[in-house]
């Protein structure tokens, strides 16, 4: 893989995916945020990393939050 390749790290790739939060205070690898829109991103050229912040997303019932 070259340095300019995107890698899917985790979470659903489905449009309008529902969130799965589990129980507060209990770590679980299956917990994922819902699909997002309206987020803001930034790119760190030194580390060659892209970061996404905020936005609106689906809840566990699929309703936008």
Protein backbone atom coordinates (compact mmCIF):
# COMPACT_ATOMS: atom_id res chain seq x y z
CA UNK A 1 0.00 0.00 0.00
CA UNK A 2 1.41 3.41 -0.88
CA UNK A 3 1.14 6.48 1.36
CA UNK A 4 -1.70 8.03 -0.66
CA UNK A 5 -4.20 5.20 -0.17
CA UNK A 6 -7.31 5.54 1.98
CA UNK A 7 -7.93 2.77 4.51
CA UNK A 8 -11.32 2.03 6.04
CA UNK A 9 -10.64 1.74 9.77
CA UNK A 10 -13.98 0.88 11.33
CA UNK A 11 -17.71 1.48 11.38
CA UNK A 12 -20.42 0.89 8.82
CA UNK A 13 -20.05 1.97 5.21
CA UNK A 14 -23.86 1.98 4.81
CA UNK A 15 -25.62 5.25 4.03
CA UNK A 16 -27.77 6.36 6.99
CA UNK A 17 -26.29 3.68 9.29
CA UNK A 18 -27.73 3.62 12.80
CA UNK A 19 -25.51 4.22 15.83
CA UNK A 20 -24.71 1.55 18.41
CA UNK A 21 -23.67 3.05 21.75
CA UNK A 22 -24.21 0.23 24.24
CA UNK A 23 -24.17 1.01 27.97
CA UNK A 24 -22.63 4.20 29.34
CA UNK A 25 -19.25 3.58 30.96
CA UNK A 26 -18.87 0.08 29.49
CA UNK A 27 -16.34 -0.34 26.67
CA UNK A 28 -17.44 -2.51 23.76
CA UNK A 29 -15.70 -2.87 20.40
CA UNK A 30 -19.10 -3.06 18.63
CA UNK A 31 -20.02 0.51 19.65
CA UNK A 32 -19.98 2.84 16.61
CA UNK A 33 -21.35 6.30 15.84
CA UNK A 34 -24.18 6.65 13.34
CA UNK A 35 -23.75 7.95 9.80
CA UNK A 36 -22.58 11.61 9.81
CA UNK A 37 -23.24 14.76 7.80
CA UNK A 38 -22.11 18.35 8.20
CA UNK A 39 -18.80 17.39 9.82
CA UNK A 40 -15.55 19.38 9.54
CA UNK A 41 -12.22 17.75 8.73
CA UNK A 42 -8.56 18.63 8.80
CA UNK A 43 -5.39 17.15 7.36
CA UNK A 44 -2.06 16.95 9.20
CA UNK A 45 0.63 16.98 6.50
CA UNK A 46 3.37 15.99 8.94
CA UNK A 47 1.60 12.84 10.14
CA UNK A 48 -0.33 12.37 6.86
CA UNK A 49 -3.54 11.93 8.85
CA UNK A 50 -7.08 13.16 8.19
CA UNK A 51 -9.33 13.91 11.17
CA UNK A 52 -13.10 14.45 11.19
CA UNK A 53 -14.90 16.41 13.91
CA UNK A 54 -18.53 16.80 14.88
CA UNK A 55 -21.44 16.90 12.50
CA UNK A 56 -24.94 15.53 12.87
CA UNK A 57 -25.62 11.82 12.93
CA UNK A 58 -28.12 9.03 13.32
CA UNK A 59 -29.07 7.70 16.72
CA UNK A 60 -29.64 4.05 17.60
CA UNK A 61 -33.20 4.34 16.27
CA UNK A 62 -31.99 5.92 13.01
CA UNK A 63 -33.33 9.41 13.71
CA UNK A 64 -30.96 12.32 13.00
CA UNK A 65 -29.63 13.92 16.17
